[in-house]
Amino acid sequence: MMTSDLHAFGHDEPPTLIRRRPATLEKRGGARLPIEMDVTVEGAAQRFLATSGDLSSGGMFVVTQRAIPVGTQVMLGFTLPNDTVVEVLGVVQWQTCGGILDVVSGFSREGGLGLAFFCLAPEVKALLEDFCSARELLYYAR
């Protein structure tokens, strides 16, 4: 399920940019960390490779134009920048077809799926919490 150690960064990983979201719009339990990485999505009689848009210890946004019904359970596989392989179960919470402009932030929302993780093993939840908090601290800007 997981490999490597718990370091938040790979040795040669370049810095990433933070996409700002107004705090008043955030309705999730955990803060989402903007991060792009390959994600394998398997479920609903399909398997495909997508890209993450953000990640938290409780879920992720996956950029894709594929439509998967809300409530569908999927298996997600991804490798964090520190080479830790993670495989988790997720459920589709919402989907968007993209092209929506957020007038507050000025960003155009990409099409994709909002996924909530469930049945996480305690060590996987702790790994994701540690990874997200370490990256937020290092890239925090006022």
Protein backbone atom coordinates (compact mmCIF):
# COMPACT_ATOMS: atom_id res chain seq x y z
CA MET A 1 0.00 0.00 0.00
CA MET A 2 2.76 2.51 0.87
CA THR A 3 6.46 2.63 0.16
CA SER A 4 9.29 4.97 1.02
CA ASP A 5 9.62 7.11 4.11
CA LEU A 6 7.43 9.91 5.45
CA HIS A 7 9.43 12.87 4.11
CA ALA A 8 7.13 15.40 2.48
CA PHE A 9 9.37 16.10 -0.51
CA GLY A 10 11.44 14.23 -3.02
CA HIS A 11 15.07 15.29 -3.21
CA ASP A 12 14.80 17.09 -6.54
CA GLU A 13 11.20 18.32 -6.33
CA PRO A 14 10.70 21.89 -7.62
CA PRO A 15 8.49 24.34 -5.68
CA THR A 16 4.83 24.53 -6.62
CA LEU A 17 2.50 27.49 -6.78
CA ILE A 18 -0.41 27.83 -4.40
CA ARG A 19 -3.79 28.48 -5.93
CA ARG A 20 -5.57 30.70 -3.45
CA ARG A 21 -9.16 30.03 -2.46
CA PRO A 22 -11.09 32.33 -0.17
CA ALA A 23 -11.42 30.70 3.27
CA THR A 24 -15.13 31.48 3.34
CA LEU A 25 -15.74 29.17 0.37
CA GLU A 26 -13.95 26.18 1.92
CA LYS A 27 -16.59 23.75 3.25
CA ARG A 28 -14.37 20.68 3.62
CA GLY A 29 -13.13 19.22 6.89
CA GLY A 30 -9.46 19.48 5.88
CA ALA A 31 -7.57 22.12 3.95
CA ARG A 32 -6.76 21.07 0.40
CA LEU A 33 -3.20 21.24 -0.86
CA PRO A 34 -2.86 22.18 -4.54
CA ILE A 35 -0.73 19.44 -6.10
CA GLU A 36 -0.49 17.83 -9.53
CA MET A 37 0.30 14.13 -9.73
CA ASP A 38 -0.88 11.17 -11.77
CA VAL A 39 -3.87 9.34 -10.29
CA THR A 40 -5.20 5.98 -11.43
CA VAL A 41 -8.98 5.85 -11.06
CA GLU A 42 -10.67 2.47 -11.19
CA GLY A 43 -14.37 1.86 -10.81
CA ALA A 44 -17.74 2.19 -12.53
CA ALA A 45 -16.56 -0.38 -15.11
CA GLN A 46 -13.65 1.80 -16.21
CA ARG A 47 -9.99 2.42 -15.43
CA PHE A 48 -8.17 5.58 -16.46
CA LEU A 49 -5.26 7.84 -15.62
CA ALA A 50 -6.03 11.41 -14.51
CA THR A 51 -4.25 14.28 -12.77
CA SER A 52 -4.92 15.54 -9.27
CA GLY A 53 -5.80 19.17 -8.71
CA ASP A 54 -5.62 19.12 -4.92
CA LEU A 55 -5.30 16.73 -2.00
CA SER A 56 -6.19 16.56 1.69
CA SER A 57 -6.23 13.79 4.26
CA GLY A 58 -9.93 13.34 3.52
CA GLY A 59 -10.13 13.52 -0.27
CA MET A 60 -8.93 14.94 -3.55
CA PHE A 61 -10.00 16.66 -6.74
CA VAL A 62 -9.18 14.74 -9.92
CA VAL A 63 -9.05 16.61 -13.22
CA THR A 64 -10.91 14.63 -15.89
CA GLN A 65 -13.71 14.99 -18.42
CA ARG A 66 -14.99 11.47 -17.66
CA ALA A 67 -18.38 11.37 -16.02
CA ILE A 68 -18.77 9.10 -13.01
CA PRO A 69 -22.06 9.34 -11.11
CA VAL A 70 -22.10 10.92 -7.66
CA GLY A 71 -22.03 8.20 -5.02
CA THR A 72 -19.89 5.82 -7.09
CA GLN A 73 -17.06 4.12 -5.21
CA VAL A 74 -13.66 4.07 -6.90
CA MET A 75 -10.16 2.82 -6.13
CA LEU A 76 -7.50 5.55 -6.36
CA GLY A 77 -3.78 5.01 -6.73
CA PHE A 78 -1.14 7.74 -6.70
CA THR A 79 2.48 8.33 -5.78
CA LEU A 80 3.35 11.31 -3.60
CA PRO A 81 6.42 13.41 -4.57
CA ASN A 82 8.41 11.61 -1.85
CA ASP A 83 7.84 8.31 -3.75
CA THR A 84 5.23 7.04 -1.27
CA VAL A 85 2.67 4.93 -3.14
CA VAL A 86 -0.89 5.35 -1.82
CA GLU A 87 -3.96 3.29 -2.70
CA VAL A 88 -7.28 4.34 -1.19
CA LEU A 89 -11.00 3.91 -1.65
CA GLY A 90 -12.94 7.01 -2.61
CA VAL A 91 -16.51 8.00 -3.36
CA VAL A 92 -17.53 10.63 -5.91
CA GLN A 93 -19.03 13.57 -4.00
CA TRP A 94 -19.50 15.95 -6.93
CA GLN A 95 -18.42 16.52 -10.51
CA THR A 96 -18.03 19.49 -12.80
CA CYS A 97 -17.70 19.74 -16.55
CA GLY A 98 -15.26 22.66 -16.26
CA GLY A 99 -15.05 26.06 -17.87
CA ILE A 100 -16.61 27.78 -14.82
CA LEU A 101 -14.92 31.05 -13.89
CA ASP A 102 -14.64 31.78 -10.16
CA VAL A 103 -15.15 35.55 -10.04
CA VAL A 104 -13.67 35.80 -6.53
CA SER A 105 -10.34 34.13 -7.27
CA GLY A 106 -10.21 34.71 -11.03
CA PHE A 107 -9.45 31.03 -11.70
CA SER A 108 -11.34 28.96 -14.22
CA ARG A 109 -12.42 25.67 -12.67
CA GLU A 110 -11.27 22.57 -14.50
CA GLY A 111 -13.60 19.68 -15.18
CA GLY A 112 -13.29 16.79 -12.80
CA LEU A 113 -14.40 14.83 -9.77
CA GLY A 114 -14.50 15.74 -6.09
CA LEU A 115 -13.65 12.53 -4.22
CA ALA A 116 -13.89 11.75 -0.51
CA PHE A 117 -11.69 9.00 0.92
CA PHE A 118 -13.30 6.37 3.14
CA CYS A 119 -12.26 3.29 5.09
CA LEU A 120 -8.75 4.74 5.43
CA ALA A 121 -6.33 2.71 7.51
CA PRO A 122 -5.08 4.85 10.43
CA GLU A 123 -1.51 4.80 9.09
CA VAL A 124 -2.65 6.03 5.65
CA LYS A 125 -4.73 8.85 7.20
CA ALA A 126 -1.74 9.85 9.36
CA LEU A 127 0.57 9.74 6.30
CA LEU A 128 -1.74 12.04 4.31
CA GLU A 129 -2.20 14.42 7.26
CA ASP A 130 1.58 14.62 7.79
CA PHE A 131 2.28 15.10 4.10
CA CYS A 132 -0.32 17.86 3.64
CA SER A 133 0.63 19.74 6.81
CA ALA A 134 4.36 19.63 6.00
CA ARG A 135 3.79 21.00 2.52
CA GLU A 136 1.38 23.70 3.72
CA LEU A 137 3.91 24.91 6.28
CA LEU A 138 6.72 25.06 3.71
CA TYR A 139 4.67 26.87 1.06
CA TYR A 140 2.60 29.13 3.29
CA ALA A 141 2.62 32.75 2.15
CA ARG A 142 0.75 35.77 3.51
